Amino acid sequence: DISAYIMHWYRQAPGKRRELVALIST
């Protein structure tokens, strides 16, 4: 149940580290 979770979007480009791009409260 995602209502119990803060949710994130990450992205990873070729040759780059994964980065957090957005988050949203529960």
PDB file of all heavy atoms in Angstrom:
ATOM      1  N   ASP A   1       0.864  -1.171   0.000  1.00  0.00           N
ATOM      2  CA  ASP A   1       0.000   0.000   0.000  1.00  0.00           C
ATOM      3  C   ASP A   1       0.900   1.220   0.000  1.00  0.00           C
ATOM      4  O   ASP A   1       1.540   1.517   1.008  1.00  0.00           O
ATOM      5  CB  ASP A   1      -0.900  -0.038   1.229  1.00  0.00           C
ATOM      6  CG  ASP A   1      -1.851   1.134   1.309  1.00  0.00           C
ATOM      7  OD1 ASP A   1      -1.804   2.028   0.439  1.00  0.00           O
ATOM      8  OD2 ASP A   1      -2.656   1.159   2.262  1.00  0.00           O
ATOM      9  N   ILE A   2       0.935   1.945  -1.101  1.00  0.00           N
ATOM     10  CA  ILE A   2       1.885   3.045  -1.194  1.00  0.00           C
ATOM     11  C   ILE A   2       1.516   4.215  -0.298  1.00  0.00           C
ATOM     12  O   ILE A   2       2.349   5.107  -0.084  1.00  0.00           O
ATOM     13  CB  ILE A   2       2.093   3.541  -2.634  1.00  0.00           C
ATOM     14  CG1 ILE A   2       0.842   4.236  -3.174  1.00  0.00           C
ATOM     15  CG2 ILE A   2       2.544   2.412  -3.545  1.00  0.00           C
ATOM     16  CD1 ILE A   2       1.123   5.102  -4.377  1.00  0.00           C
ATOM     17  N   SER A   3       0.318   4.231   0.248  1.00  0.00           N
ATOM     18  CA  SER A   3      -0.049   5.316   1.151  1.00  0.00           C
ATOM     19  C   SER A   3       0.809   5.337   2.413  1.00  0.00           C
ATOM     20  O   SER A   3       0.847   6.351   3.114  1.00  0.00           O
ATOM     21  CB  SER A   3      -1.532   5.238   1.527  1.00  0.00           C
ATOM     22  OG  SER A   3      -1.804   4.112   2.334  1.00  0.00           O
ATOM     23  N   ALA A   4       1.498   4.239   2.706  1.00  0.00           N
ATOM     24  CA  ALA A   4       2.401   4.174   3.846  1.00  0.00           C
ATOM     25  C   ALA A   4       3.815   4.637   3.507  1.00  0.00           C
ATOM     26  O   ALA A   4       4.677   4.639   4.387  1.00  0.00           O
ATOM     27  CB  ALA A   4       2.448   2.749   4.397  1.00  0.00           C
ATOM     28  N   TYR A   5       4.053   5.027   2.255  1.00  0.00           N
ATOM     29  CA  TYR A   5       5.400   5.309   1.798  1.00  0.00           C
ATOM     30  C   TYR A   5       5.533   6.695   1.188  1.00  0.00           C
ATOM     31  O   TYR A   5       4.706   7.106   0.362  1.00  0.00           O
ATOM     32  CB  TYR A   5       5.833   4.298   0.724  1.00  0.00           C
ATOM     33  CG  TYR A   5       5.987   2.890   1.230  1.00  0.00           C
ATOM     34  CD1 TYR A   5       4.896   2.032   1.285  1.00  0.00           C
ATOM     35  CD2 TYR A   5       7.226   2.423   1.640  1.00  0.00           C
ATOM     36  CE1 TYR A   5       5.036   0.741   1.750  1.00  0.00           C
ATOM     37  CE2 TYR A   5       7.371   1.130   2.102  1.00  0.00           C
ATOM     38  CZ  TYR A   5       6.274   0.291   2.150  1.00  0.00           C
ATOM     39  OH  TYR A   5       6.423  -1.001   2.604  1.00  0.00           O
ATOM     40  N   ILE A   6       6.576   7.404   1.592  1.00  0.00           N
ATOM     41  CA  ILE A   6       7.109   8.444   0.726  1.00  0.00           C
ATOM     42  C   ILE A   6       7.567   7.754  -0.561  1.00  0.00           C
ATOM     43  O   ILE A   6       8.124   6.660  -0.531  1.00  0.00           O
ATOM     44  CB  ILE A   6       8.301   9.151   1.398  1.00  0.00           C
ATOM     45  CG1 ILE A   6       7.815   9.944   2.609  1.00  0.00           C
ATOM     46  CG2 ILE A   6       9.045  10.038   0.421  1.00  0.00           C
ATOM     47  CD1 ILE A   6       8.948  10.486   3.462  1.00  0.00           C
ATOM     48  N   MET A   7       7.330   8.379  -1.685  1.00  0.00           N
ATOM     49  CA  MET A   7       7.713   7.793  -2.960  1.00  0.00           C
ATOM     50  C   MET A   7       8.743   8.670  -3.657  1.00  0.00           C
ATOM     51  O   MET A   7       8.699   9.901  -3.578  1.00  0.00           O
ATOM     52  CB  MET A   7       6.494   7.600  -3.866  1.00  0.00           C
ATOM     53  CG  MET A   7       5.459   6.645  -3.302  1.00  0.00           C
ATOM     54  SD  MET A   7       6.065   4.935  -3.124  1.00  0.00           S
ATOM     55  CE  MET A   7       6.272   4.453  -4.837  1.00  0.00           C
ATOM     56  N   HIS A   8       9.658   8.001  -4.351  1.00  0.00           N
ATOM     57  CA  HIS A   8      10.740   8.664  -5.070  1.00  0.00           C
ATOM     58  C   HIS A   8      10.713   8.319  -6.546  1.00  0.00           C
ATOM     59  O   HIS A   8      10.322   7.214  -6.929  1.00  0.00           O
ATOM     60  CB  HIS A   8      12.115   8.190  -4.563  1.00  0.00           C
ATOM     61  CG  HIS A   8      12.421   8.521  -3.142  1.00  0.00           C
ATOM     62  ND1 HIS A   8      13.373   7.837  -2.432  1.00  0.00           N
ATOM     63  CD2 HIS A   8      11.947   9.466  -2.306  1.00  0.00           C
ATOM     64  CE1 HIS A   8      13.465   8.341  -1.223  1.00  0.00           C
ATOM     65  NE2 HIS A   8      12.612   9.333  -1.125  1.00  0.00           N
ATOM     66  N   TRP A   9      11.190   9.261  -7.361  1.00  0.00           N
ATOM     67  CA  TRP A   9      11.652   8.960  -8.707  1.00  0.00           C
ATOM     68  C   TRP A   9      13.158   9.206  -8.762  1.00  0.00           C
ATOM     69  O   TRP A   9      13.632  10.268  -8.346  1.00  0.00           O
ATOM     70  CB  TRP A   9      10.965   9.821  -9.759  1.00  0.00           C
ATOM     71  CG  TRP A   9       9.576   9.402 -10.097  1.00  0.00           C
ATOM     72  CD1 TRP A   9       8.422   9.928  -9.622  1.00  0.00           C
ATOM     73  CD2 TRP A   9       9.194   8.368 -11.019  1.00  0.00           C
ATOM     74  NE1 TRP A   9       7.339   9.294 -10.186  1.00  0.00           N
ATOM     75  CE2 TRP A   9       7.779   8.329 -11.037  1.00  0.00           C
ATOM     76  CE3 TRP A   9       9.895   7.474 -11.825  1.00  0.00           C
ATOM     77  CZ2 TRP A   9       7.061   7.433 -11.836  1.00  0.00           C
ATOM     78  CZ3 TRP A   9       9.186   6.583 -12.609  1.00  0.00           C
ATOM     79  CH2 TRP A   9       7.789   6.568 -12.607  1.00  0.00           C
ATOM     80  N   TYR A  10      13.874   8.224  -9.265  1.00  0.00           N
ATOM     81  CA  TYR A  10      15.297   8.329  -9.538  1.00  0.00           C
ATOM     82  C   TYR A  10      15.524   8.208 -11.037  1.00  0.00           C
ATOM     83  O   TYR A  10      14.664   7.720 -11.778  1.00  0.00           O
ATOM     84  CB  TYR A  10      16.074   7.209  -8.857  1.00  0.00           C
ATOM     85  CG  TYR A  10      16.308   7.355  -7.370  1.00  0.00           C
ATOM     86  CD1 TYR A  10      15.331   6.980  -6.455  1.00  0.00           C
ATOM     87  CD2 TYR A  10      17.520   7.831  -6.888  1.00  0.00           C
ATOM     88  CE1 TYR A  10      15.556   7.082  -5.092  1.00  0.00           C
ATOM     89  CE2 TYR A  10      17.752   7.934  -5.527  1.00  0.00           C
ATOM     90  CZ  TYR A  10      16.769   7.560  -4.636  1.00  0.00           C
ATOM     91  OH  TYR A  10      17.002   7.661  -3.285  1.00  0.00           O
ATOM     92  N   ARG A  11      16.710   8.615 -11.464  1.00  0.00           N
ATOM     93  CA  ARG A  11      17.110   8.353 -12.832  1.00  0.00           C
ATOM     94  C   ARG A  11      18.602   8.045 -12.884  1.00  0.00           C
ATOM     95  O   ARG A  11      19.362   8.441 -12.010  1.00  0.00           O
ATOM     96  CB  ARG A  11      16.783   9.519 -13.764  1.00  0.00           C
ATOM     97  CG  ARG A  11      17.598  10.777 -13.523  1.00  0.00           C
ATOM     98  CD  ARG A  11      17.093  11.911 -14.415  1.00  0.00           C
ATOM     99  NE  ARG A  11      17.875  13.120 -14.246  1.00  0.00           N
ATOM    100  CZ  ARG A  11      17.572  14.285 -14.803  1.00  0.00           C
ATOM    101  NH1 ARG A  11      16.486  14.384 -15.582  1.00  0.00           N
ATOM    102  NH2 ARG A  11      18.345  15.341 -14.599  1.00  0.00           N
ATOM    103  N   GLN A  12      18.989   7.327 -13.912  1.00  0.00           N
ATOM    104  CA  GLN A  12      20.389   7.013 -14.120  1.00  0.00           C
ATOM    105  C   GLN A  12      20.700   7.095 -15.607  1.00  0.00           C
ATOM    106  O   GLN A  12      20.126   6.359 -16.410  1.00  0.00           O
ATOM    107  CB  GLN A  12      20.744   5.626 -13.585  1.00  0.00           C
ATOM    108  CG  GLN A  12      22.233   5.335 -13.616  1.00  0.00           C
ATOM    109  CD  GLN A  12      22.619   4.166 -12.737  1.00  0.00           C
ATOM    110  OE1 GLN A  12      21.799   3.290 -12.461  1.00  0.00           O
ATOM    111  NE2 GLN A  12      23.863   4.149 -12.287  1.00  0.00           N
ATOM    112  N   ALA A  13      21.602   8.000 -15.951  1.00  0.00           N
ATOM    113  CA  ALA A  13      22.056   8.169 -17.314  1.00  0.00           C
ATOM    114  C   ALA A  13      23.296   7.317 -17.550  1.00  0.00           C
ATOM    115  O   ALA A  13      24.012   6.969 -16.600  1.00  0.00           O
ATOM    116  CB  ALA A  13      22.366   9.636 -17.591  1.00  0.00           C
ATOM    117  N   PRO A  14      23.587   6.971 -18.803  1.00  0.00           N
ATOM    118  CA  PRO A  14      24.783   6.178 -19.092  1.00  0.00           C
ATOM    119  C   PRO A  14      26.042   6.842 -18.550  1.00  0.00           C
ATOM    120  O   PRO A  14      26.275   8.030 -18.785  1.00  0.00           O
ATOM    121  CB  PRO A  14      24.807   6.114 -20.616  1.00  0.00           C
ATOM    122  CG  PRO A  14      23.382   6.287 -21.019  1.00  0.00           C
ATOM    123  CD  PRO A  14      22.811   7.248 -20.023  1.00  0.00           C
ATOM    124  N   GLY A  15      26.842   6.078 -17.818  1.00  0.00           N
ATOM    125  CA  GLY A  15      28.081   6.583 -17.264  1.00  0.00           C
ATOM    126  C   GLY A  15      27.929   7.510 -16.083  1.00  0.00           C
ATOM    127  O   GLY A  15      28.931   8.072 -15.623  1.00  0.00           O
ATOM    128  N   LYS A  16      26.716   7.680 -15.586  1.00  0.00           N
ATOM    129  CA  LYS A  16      26.461   8.584 -14.480  1.00  0.00           C
ATOM    130  C   LYS A  16      25.927   7.816 -13.276  1.00  0.00           C
ATOM    131  O   LYS A  16      25.404   6.710 -13.403  1.00  0.00           O
ATOM    132  CB  LYS A  16      25.450   9.657 -14.877  1.00  0.00           C
ATOM    133  CG  LYS A  16      25.848  10.500 -16.074  1.00  0.00           C
ATOM    134  CD  LYS A  16      27.010  11.407 -15.757  1.00  0.00           C
ATOM    135  CE  LYS A  16      27.310  12.332 -16.919  1.00  0.00           C
ATOM    136  NZ  LYS A  16      28.438  13.241 -16.612  1.00  0.00           N
ATOM    137  N   ARG A  17      26.067   8.432 -12.114  1.00  0.00           N
ATOM    138  CA  ARG A  17      25.497   7.851 -10.913  1.00  0.00           C
ATOM    139  C   ARG A  17      23.987   8.057 -10.892  1.00  0.00           C
ATOM    140  O   ARG A  17      23.457   9.005 -11.488  1.00  0.00           O
ATOM    141  CB  ARG A  17      26.138   8.452  -9.667  1.00  0.00           C
ATOM    142  CG  ARG A  17      25.928   9.946  -9.536  1.00  0.00           C
ATOM    143  CD  ARG A  17      26.703  10.524  -8.357  1.00  0.00           C
ATOM    144  NE  ARG A  17      26.190  10.063  -7.089  1.00  0.00           N
ATOM    145  CZ  ARG A  17      25.223  10.669  -6.407  1.00  0.00           C
ATOM    146  NH1 ARG A  17      24.654  11.763  -6.877  1.00  0.00           N
ATOM    147  NH2 ARG A  17      24.835  10.174  -5.246  1.00  0.00           N
ATOM    148  N   ARG A  18      23.303   7.177 -10.195  1.00  0.00           N
ATOM    149  CA  ARG A  18      21.872   7.334 -10.022  1.00  0.00           C
ATOM    150  C   ARG A  18      21.575   8.564  -9.173  1.00  0.00           C
ATOM    151  O   ARG A  18      22.240   8.807  -8.162  1.00  0.00           O
ATOM    152  CB  ARG A  18      21.289   6.083  -9.369  1.00  0.00           C
ATOM    153  CG  ARG A  18      19.782   6.102  -9.238  1.00  0.00           C
ATOM    154  CD  ARG A  18      19.277   4.773  -8.718  1.00  0.00           C
ATOM    155  NE  ARG A  18      19.885   4.441  -7.438  1.00  0.00           N
ATOM    156  CZ  ARG A  18      19.690   3.308  -6.777  1.00  0.00           C
ATOM    157  NH1 ARG A  18      18.890   2.378  -7.301  1.00  0.00           N
ATOM    158  NH2 ARG A  18      20.286   3.087  -5.626  1.00  0.00           N
ATOM    159  N   GLU A  19      20.600   9.340  -9.571  1.00  0.00           N
ATOM    160  CA  GLU A  19      20.262  10.548  -8.840  1.00  0.00           C
ATOM    161  C   GLU A  19      18.778  10.597  -8.525  1.00  0.00           C
ATOM    162  O   GLU A  19      17.934  10.174  -9.320  1.00  0.00           O
ATOM    163  CB  GLU A  19      20.677  11.803  -9.619  1.00  0.00           C
ATOM    164  CG  GLU A  19      19.960  11.990 -10.939  1.00  0.00           C
ATOM    165  CD  GLU A  19      20.284  13.316 -11.613  1.00  0.00           C
ATOM    166  OE1 GLU A  19      20.674  14.276 -10.914  1.00  0.00           O
ATOM    167  OE2 GLU A  19      20.141  13.394 -12.855  1.00  0.00           O
ATOM    168  N   LEU A  20      18.478  11.134  -7.368  1.00  0.00           N
ATOM    169  CA  LEU A  20      17.101  11.369  -6.966  1.00  0.00           C
ATOM    170  C   LEU A  20      16.602  12.618  -7.674  1.00  0.00           C
ATOM    171  O   LEU A  20      17.228  13.681  -7.591  1.00  0.00           O
ATOM    172  CB  LEU A  20      17.020  11.543  -5.450  1.00  0.00           C
ATOM    173  CG  LEU A  20      15.649  11.868  -4.861  1.00  0.00           C
ATOM    174  CD1 LEU A  20      14.673  10.712  -5.053  1.00  0.00           C
ATOM    175  CD2 LEU A  20      15.787  12.202  -3.372  1.00  0.00           C
ATOM    176  N   VAL A  21      15.483  12.509  -8.353  1.00  0.00           N
ATOM    177  CA  VAL A  21      14.946  13.661  -9.070  1.00  0.00           C
ATOM    178  C   VAL A  21      13.708  14.246  -8.416  1.00  0.00           C
ATOM    179  O   VAL A  21      13.440  15.440  -8.571  1.00  0.00           O
ATOM    180  CB  VAL A  21      14.674  13.343 -10.553  1.00  0.00           C
ATOM    181  CG1 VAL A  21      15.960  12.936 -11.255  1.00  0.00           C
ATOM    182  CG2 VAL A  21      13.617  12.258 -10.718  1.00  0.00           C
ATOM    183  N   ALA A  22      12.939  13.433  -7.698  1.00  0.00           N
ATOM    184  CA  ALA A  22      11.717  13.947  -7.089  1.00  0.00           C
ATOM    185  C   ALA A  22      11.255  13.018  -5.988  1.00  0.00           C
ATOM    186  O   ALA A  22      11.488  11.805  -6.038  1.00  0.00           O
ATOM    187  CB  ALA A  22      10.605  14.111  -8.121  1.00  0.00           C
ATOM    188  N   LEU A  23      10.590  13.584  -4.995  1.00  0.00           N
ATOM    189  CA  LEU A  23       9.947  12.790  -3.961  1.00  0.00           C
ATOM    190  C   LEU A  23       8.630  13.435  -3.585  1.00  0.00           C
ATOM    191  O   LEU A  23       8.418  14.633  -3.793  1.00  0.00           O
ATOM    192  CB  LEU A  23      10.852  12.614  -2.733  1.00  0.00           C
ATOM    193  CG  LEU A  23      11.258  13.837  -1.917  1.00  0.00           C
ATOM    194  CD1 LEU A  23      10.192  14.211  -0.884  1.00  0.00           C
ATOM    195  CD2 LEU A  23      12.580  13.574  -1.209  1.00  0.00           C
ATOM    196  N   ILE A  24       7.761  12.620  -3.011  1.00  0.00           N
ATOM    197  CA  ILE A  24       6.443  13.099  -2.634  1.00  0.00           C
ATOM    198  C   ILE A  24       6.053  12.468  -1.306  1.00  0.00           C
ATOM    199  O   ILE A  24       6.316  11.288  -1.059  1.00  0.00           O
ATOM    200  CB  ILE A  24       5.409  12.805  -3.747  1.00  0.00           C
ATOM    201  CG1 ILE A  24       4.058  13.456  -3.440  1.00  0.00           C
ATOM    202  CG2 ILE A  24       5.267  11.306  -3.992  1.00  0.00           C
ATOM    203  CD1 ILE A  24       3.109  13.469  -4.639  1.00  0.00           C
ATOM    204  N   SER A  25       5.433  13.245  -0.447  1.00  0.00           N
ATOM    205  CA  SER A  25       5.012  12.766   0.860  1.00  0.00           C
ATOM    206  C   SER A  25       3.880  11.760   0.713  1.00  0.00           C
ATOM    207  O   SER A  25       3.290  11.588  -0.355  1.00  0.00           O
ATOM    208  CB  SER A  25       4.595  13.935   1.747  1.00  0.00           C
ATOM    209  OG  SER A  25       3.535  14.667   1.160  1.00  0.00           O
ATOM    210  N   THR A  26       3.557  11.093   1.815  1.00  0.00           N
ATOM    211  CA  THR A  26       2.670   9.929   1.751  1.00  0.00           C
ATOM    212  C   THR A  26       1.301  10.225   1.178  1.00  0.00           C
ATOM    213  O   THR A  26       0.705   9.372   0.510  1.00  0.00           O
ATOM    214  CB  THR A  26       2.518   9.295   3.137  1.00  0.00           C
ATOM    215  OG1 THR A  26       2.104  10.281   4.081  1.00  0.00           O
ATOM    216  CG2 THR A  26       3.820   8.657   3.589  1.00  0.00           C
TER     217      THR A  26
END
